[in-house]
Amino acid sequence: MLAPVLGYAVDRWGHRFHYVALAPLLWITSCSLIGYSDAHPLVPLVFASLAGVINGAPLREWQRRLRPPVVGVVA
């Protein structure tokens, strides 16, 4: 559910590197909460999900740049 929101934020304001640099911190936070706290399991799951979305955001942009646009093709 956060992927479209994050995608819009990256497209609107940029700073892709800052988002990607934040992803490992979210993974570490998630794993630390699982291993060293008594937090409800949904809390680390939210952090892990957000980190996964952030990790995938730059890859989607590279796919768009590598794939040439299809023009004039009717399905």
N, C-alpha and C. Protein backbone atom coordinates (compact mmCIF):
# COMPACT_ATOMS: atom_id res chain seq x y z
N MET A 1 0.82 -1.19 0.00
CA MET A 1 0.00 0.00 0.00
C MET A 1 0.86 1.26 0.00
N LEU A 2 2.10 1.16 0.47
CA LEU A 2 2.97 2.33 0.51
C LEU A 2 3.76 2.52 -0.78
N ALA A 3 3.80 1.53 -1.65
CA ALA A 3 4.60 1.64 -2.87
C ALA A 3 4.17 2.81 -3.75
N PRO A 4 2.89 3.03 -4.00
CA PRO A 4 2.52 4.19 -4.81
C PRO A 4 2.86 5.52 -4.14
N VAL A 5 2.72 5.58 -2.83
CA VAL A 5 3.04 6.81 -2.11
C VAL A 5 4.53 7.10 -2.19
N LEU A 6 5.34 6.07 -1.97
CA LEU A 6 6.78 6.26 -2.06
C LEU A 6 7.21 6.58 -3.48
N GLY A 7 6.62 5.92 -4.46
CA GLY A 7 6.94 6.22 -5.86
C GLY A 7 6.61 7.65 -6.21
N TYR A 8 5.47 8.14 -5.75
CA TYR A 8 5.11 9.53 -6.00
C TYR A 8 6.11 10.48 -5.34
N ALA A 9 6.51 10.16 -4.11
CA ALA A 9 7.46 11.03 -3.40
C ALA A 9 8.81 11.06 -4.12
N VAL A 10 9.26 9.92 -4.60
CA VAL A 10 10.54 9.88 -5.31
C VAL A 10 10.44 10.65 -6.62
N ASP A 11 9.34 10.48 -7.35
CA ASP A 11 9.17 11.19 -8.61
C ASP A 11 8.99 12.68 -8.41
N ARG A 12 8.33 13.05 -7.35
CA ARG A 12 8.03 14.47 -7.11
C ARG A 12 9.23 15.24 -6.58
N TRP A 13 9.90 14.68 -5.56
CA TRP A 13 10.95 15.43 -4.89
C TRP A 13 12.35 14.90 -5.15
N GLY A 14 12.47 13.72 -5.72
CA GLY A 14 13.80 13.16 -5.98
C GLY A 14 14.43 12.59 -4.73
N HIS A 15 15.72 12.80 -4.57
CA HIS A 15 16.50 12.32 -3.41
C HIS A 15 16.45 10.80 -3.31
N ARG A 16 16.55 10.14 -4.46
CA ARG A 16 16.48 8.69 -4.50
C ARG A 16 17.56 8.05 -3.62
N PHE A 17 18.76 8.63 -3.62
CA PHE A 17 19.85 8.08 -2.81
C PHE A 17 19.50 8.07 -1.33
N HIS A 18 18.84 9.10 -0.86
CA HIS A 18 18.48 9.15 0.56
C HIS A 18 17.49 8.05 0.93
N TYR A 19 16.56 7.76 0.04
CA TYR A 19 15.62 6.68 0.31
C TYR A 19 16.33 5.33 0.32
N VAL A 20 17.23 5.13 -0.64
CA VAL A 20 17.94 3.86 -0.74
C VAL A 20 18.88 3.69 0.45
N ALA A 21 19.48 4.77 0.92
CA ALA A 21 20.36 4.69 2.09
C ALA A 21 19.55 4.41 3.36
N LEU A 22 18.29 4.76 3.37
CA LEU A 22 17.44 4.52 4.53
C LEU A 22 16.99 3.06 4.63
N ALA A 23 16.95 2.36 3.51
CA ALA A 23 16.45 0.98 3.50
C ALA A 23 17.24 0.04 4.42
N PRO A 24 18.58 0.02 4.39
CA PRO A 24 19.28 -0.88 5.30
C PRO A 24 19.03 -0.55 6.77
N LEU A 25 18.85 0.72 7.08
CA LEU A 25 18.54 1.08 8.46
C LEU A 25 17.18 0.51 8.88
N LEU A 26 16.24 0.50 7.97
CA LEU A 26 14.93 -0.09 8.28
C LEU A 26 15.03 -1.60 8.44
N TRP A 27 15.88 -2.26 7.60
CA TRP A 27 16.08 -3.70 7.75
C TRP A 27 16.71 -4.02 9.10
N ILE A 28 17.72 -3.25 9.48
CA ILE A 28 18.38 -3.48 10.77
C ILE A 28 17.40 -3.26 11.92
N THR A 29 16.59 -2.21 11.81
CA THR A 29 15.58 -1.95 12.83
C THR A 29 14.59 -3.11 12.93
N SER A 30 14.15 -3.59 11.78
CA SER A 30 13.18 -4.69 11.75
C SER A 30 13.76 -5.95 12.39
N CYS A 31 14.97 -6.31 11.98
CA CYS A 31 15.59 -7.53 12.54
C CYS A 31 15.89 -7.38 14.02
N SER A 32 16.27 -6.18 14.43
CA SER A 32 16.54 -5.94 15.85
C SER A 32 15.26 -6.05 16.67
N LEU A 33 14.17 -5.53 16.15
CA LEU A 33 12.90 -5.65 16.87
C LEU A 33 12.46 -7.10 16.99
N ILE A 34 12.70 -7.88 15.94
CA ILE A 34 12.33 -9.30 16.00
C ILE A 34 13.18 -10.03 17.04
N GLY A 35 14.48 -9.77 17.03
CA GLY A 35 15.37 -10.54 17.88
C GLY A 35 15.51 -10.06 19.30
N TYR A 36 15.38 -8.77 19.52
CA TYR A 36 15.75 -8.24 20.84
C TYR A 36 14.64 -7.50 21.58
N SER A 37 13.42 -7.56 21.09
CA SER A 37 12.36 -6.86 21.81
C SER A 37 11.13 -7.75 21.92
N ASP A 38 10.20 -7.29 22.69
CA ASP A 38 8.94 -7.99 22.85
C ASP A 38 7.81 -7.28 22.09
N ALA A 39 8.19 -6.54 21.06
CA ALA A 39 7.19 -5.80 20.27
C ALA A 39 6.30 -6.80 19.53
N HIS A 40 5.10 -6.34 19.22
CA HIS A 40 4.18 -7.16 18.45
C HIS A 40 4.81 -7.44 17.08
N PRO A 41 4.63 -8.63 16.53
CA PRO A 41 5.29 -8.98 15.27
C PRO A 41 4.91 -8.08 14.08
N LEU A 42 3.78 -7.40 14.16
CA LEU A 42 3.41 -6.52 13.05
C LEU A 42 4.31 -5.29 12.95
N VAL A 43 4.88 -4.87 14.05
CA VAL A 43 5.74 -3.68 14.03
C VAL A 43 6.98 -3.93 13.17
N PRO A 44 7.75 -5.01 13.41
CA PRO A 44 8.89 -5.26 12.53
C PRO A 44 8.47 -5.59 11.09
N LEU A 45 7.30 -6.18 10.94
CA LEU A 45 6.82 -6.49 9.60
C LEU A 45 6.58 -5.22 8.79
N VAL A 46 6.07 -4.18 9.42
CA VAL A 46 5.87 -2.91 8.74
C VAL A 46 7.22 -2.31 8.32
N PHE A 47 8.20 -2.35 9.23
CA PHE A 47 9.53 -1.84 8.88
C PHE A 47 10.15 -2.63 7.73
N ALA A 48 10.01 -3.96 7.76
CA ALA A 48 10.58 -4.79 6.71
C ALA A 48 9.87 -4.55 5.37
N SER A 49 8.57 -4.37 5.41
CA SER A 49 7.82 -4.10 4.19
C SER A 49 8.22 -2.77 3.58
N LEU A 50 8.36 -1.77 4.40
CA LEU A 50 8.77 -0.46 3.91
C LEU A 50 10.19 -0.52 3.33
N ALA A 51 11.08 -1.26 3.97
CA ALA A 51 12.44 -1.40 3.45
C ALA A 51 12.42 -2.13 2.10
N GLY A 52 11.57 -3.11 1.95
CA GLY A 52 11.46 -3.81 0.67
C GLY A 52 10.95 -2.92 -0.44
N VAL A 53 9.99 -2.08 -0.13
CA VAL A 53 9.47 -1.13 -1.11
C VAL A 53 10.55 -0.14 -1.52
N ILE A 54 11.30 0.33 -0.54
CA ILE A 54 12.36 1.30 -0.83
C ILE A 54 13.46 0.65 -1.68
N ASN A 55 13.81 -0.60 -1.39
CA ASN A 55 14.84 -1.28 -2.18
C ASN A 55 14.41 -1.47 -3.62
N GLY A 56 13.15 -1.67 -3.87
CA GLY A 56 12.67 -1.91 -5.23
C GLY A 56 12.44 -0.65 -6.04
N ALA A 57 12.34 0.49 -5.42
CA ALA A 57 12.03 1.73 -6.14
C ALA A 57 13.07 2.08 -7.20
N PRO A 58 14.36 2.05 -6.92
CA PRO A 58 15.33 2.40 -7.96
C PRO A 58 15.37 1.39 -9.09
N LEU A 59 15.09 0.12 -8.80
CA LEU A 59 15.12 -0.89 -9.84
C LEU A 59 14.04 -0.64 -10.87
N ARG A 60 12.89 -0.19 -10.42
CA ARG A 60 11.79 0.10 -11.34
C ARG A 60 12.16 1.23 -12.29
N GLU A 61 12.85 2.23 -11.79
CA GLU A 61 13.27 3.34 -12.64
C GLU A 61 14.27 2.87 -13.69
N TRP A 62 15.18 1.99 -13.33
CA TRP A 62 16.15 1.47 -14.30
C TRP A 62 15.46 0.66 -15.38
N GLN A 63 14.42 -0.07 -15.02
CA GLN A 63 13.68 -0.82 -16.03
C GLN A 63 13.06 0.12 -17.05
N ARG A 64 12.52 1.23 -16.60
CA ARG A 64 11.93 2.19 -17.52
C ARG A 64 12.97 2.78 -18.45
N ARG A 65 14.16 3.03 -17.94
CA ARG A 65 15.21 3.62 -18.77
C ARG A 65 15.80 2.63 -19.77
N LEU A 66 15.88 1.36 -19.40
CA LEU A 66 16.47 0.36 -20.28
C LEU A 66 15.53 -0.11 -21.38
N ARG A 67 14.26 -0.14 -21.12
CA ARG A 67 13.29 -0.62 -22.08
C ARG A 67 12.88 0.52 -23.00
N PRO A 68 13.06 0.36 -24.32
CA PRO A 68 12.64 1.44 -25.22
C PRO A 68 11.12 1.52 -25.28
N PRO A 69 10.59 2.71 -25.43
CA PRO A 69 9.13 2.85 -25.50
C PRO A 69 8.58 2.21 -26.79
N VAL A 70 7.42 1.64 -26.69
CA VAL A 70 6.75 1.03 -27.84
C VAL A 70 5.81 2.07 -28.41
N VAL A 71 6.08 2.43 -29.67
CA VAL A 71 5.30 3.49 -30.31
C VAL A 71 4.64 2.93 -31.55
N GLY A 72 3.37 3.18 -31.73
CA GLY A 72 2.68 2.80 -32.94
C GLY A 72 2.26 1.34 -33.01
N VAL A 73 2.25 0.65 -31.90
CA VAL A 73 1.84 -0.76 -31.89
C VAL A 73 0.43 -0.86 -31.35
N VAL A 74 -0.42 -1.53 -32.10
CA VAL A 74 -1.81 -1.73 -31.67
C VAL A 74 -1.97 -3.18 -31.28
N ALA A 75 -2.49 -3.41 -30.10
CA ALA A 75 -2.65 -4.79 -29.63
C ALA A 75 -3.88 -5.42 -30.18
